[in-house]
Amino acid sequence: MDYNPGILTSMGSYSFPQIPYFGPRQATGVLIGQGIIALGFMMMISFRQK
């Protein structure tokens, strides 16, 4: 078995793409998660009753 320093440092020999690609399910999950985060921020705003 050859010694591979890339395994220990978690660095591969390929570069990351400039534009990340999300599959359709992952993109849908990201959008749902962002919506939930936005809803949480809106719920944190305290509205004063007149």
C-alpha atoms as a PDB file:
ATOM      1  CA  MET A   1       0.000   0.000   0.000  1.00  0.00           C
ATOM      2  CA  ASP A   2       1.439   3.337  -1.061  1.00  0.00           C
ATOM      3  CA  TYR A   3       1.622   6.319   1.241  1.00  0.00           C
ATOM      4  CA  ASN A   4      -0.784   9.056   0.113  1.00  0.00           C
ATOM      5  CA  PRO A   5      -0.487  12.367   2.022  1.00  0.00           C
ATOM      6  CA  GLY A   6      -3.716  13.566   0.378  1.00  0.00           C
ATOM      7  CA  ILE A   7      -5.728  11.146   2.494  1.00  0.00           C
ATOM      8  CA  LEU A   8      -4.304  12.553   5.727  1.00  0.00           C
ATOM      9  CA  THR A   9      -4.722  16.198   4.735  1.00  0.00           C
ATOM     10  CA  SER A  10      -8.144  15.715   3.074  1.00  0.00           C
ATOM     11  CA  MET A  11      -6.896  17.477  -0.032  1.00  0.00           C
ATOM     12  CA  GLY A  12      -7.472  15.970  -3.446  1.00  0.00           C
ATOM     13  CA  SER A  13      -5.631  16.576  -6.683  1.00  0.00           C
ATOM     14  CA  TYR A  14      -8.648  18.164  -8.386  1.00  0.00           C
ATOM     15  CA  SER A  15      -9.823  21.760  -8.121  1.00  0.00           C
ATOM     16  CA  PHE A  16     -13.308  22.773  -7.091  1.00  0.00           C
ATOM     17  CA  PRO A  17     -15.671  24.023  -9.806  1.00  0.00           C
ATOM     18  CA  GLN A  18     -16.194  27.770 -10.036  1.00  0.00           C
ATOM     19  CA  ILE A  19     -20.002  27.421  -9.911  1.00  0.00           C
ATOM     20  CA  PRO A  20     -21.278  24.789  -7.465  1.00  0.00           C
ATOM     21  CA  TYR A  21     -23.855  22.407  -8.919  1.00  0.00           C
ATOM     22  CA  PHE A  22     -26.823  21.344  -6.842  1.00  0.00           C
ATOM     23  CA  GLY A  23     -29.062  18.508  -7.902  1.00  0.00           C
ATOM     24  CA  PRO A  24     -32.811  19.154  -8.044  1.00  0.00           C
ATOM     25  CA  ARG A  25     -33.529  17.626  -4.621  1.00  0.00           C
ATOM     26  CA  GLN A  26     -30.625  19.412  -2.973  1.00  0.00           C
ATOM     27  CA  ALA A  27     -31.636  22.741  -4.541  1.00  0.00           C
ATOM     28  CA  THR A  28     -35.204  22.252  -3.284  1.00  0.00           C
ATOM     29  CA  GLY A  29     -33.910  21.458   0.200  1.00  0.00           C
ATOM     30  CA  VAL A  30     -31.727  24.570   0.208  1.00  0.00           C
ATOM     31  CA  LEU A  31     -34.696  26.750  -0.781  1.00  0.00           C
ATOM     32  CA  ILE A  32     -36.925  25.191   1.889  1.00  0.00           C
ATOM     33  CA  GLY A  33     -34.193  25.676   4.501  1.00  0.00           C
ATOM     34  CA  GLN A  34     -33.721  29.322   3.536  1.00  0.00           C
ATOM     35  CA  GLY A  35     -37.478  29.848   3.785  1.00  0.00           C
ATOM     36  CA  ILE A  36     -37.549  28.341   7.274  1.00  0.00           C
ATOM     37  CA  ILE A  37     -34.650  30.573   8.335  1.00  0.00           C
ATOM     38  CA  ALA A  38     -36.444  33.650   6.941  1.00  0.00           C
ATOM     39  CA  LEU A  39     -39.625  32.639   8.778  1.00  0.00           C
ATOM     40  CA  GLY A  40     -37.637  32.300  12.008  1.00  0.00           C
ATOM     41  CA  PHE A  41     -36.183  35.788  11.589  1.00  0.00           C
ATOM     42  CA  MET A  42     -39.661  37.201  10.969  1.00  0.00           C
ATOM     43  CA  MET A  43     -40.960  35.478  14.111  1.00  0.00           C
ATOM     44  CA  MET A  44     -38.170  37.087  16.160  1.00  0.00           C
ATOM     45  CA  ILE A  45     -39.386  40.590  15.265  1.00  0.00           C
ATOM     46  CA  SER A  46     -41.643  41.834  18.046  1.00  0.00           C
ATOM     47  CA  PHE A  47     -44.660  43.739  16.802  1.00  0.00           C
ATOM     48  CA  ARG A  48     -46.128  46.276  19.187  1.00  0.00           C
ATOM     49  CA  GLN A  49     -49.877  46.279  19.569  1.00  0.00           C
ATOM     50  CA  LYS A  50     -51.614  49.653  19.495  1.00  0.00           C
END
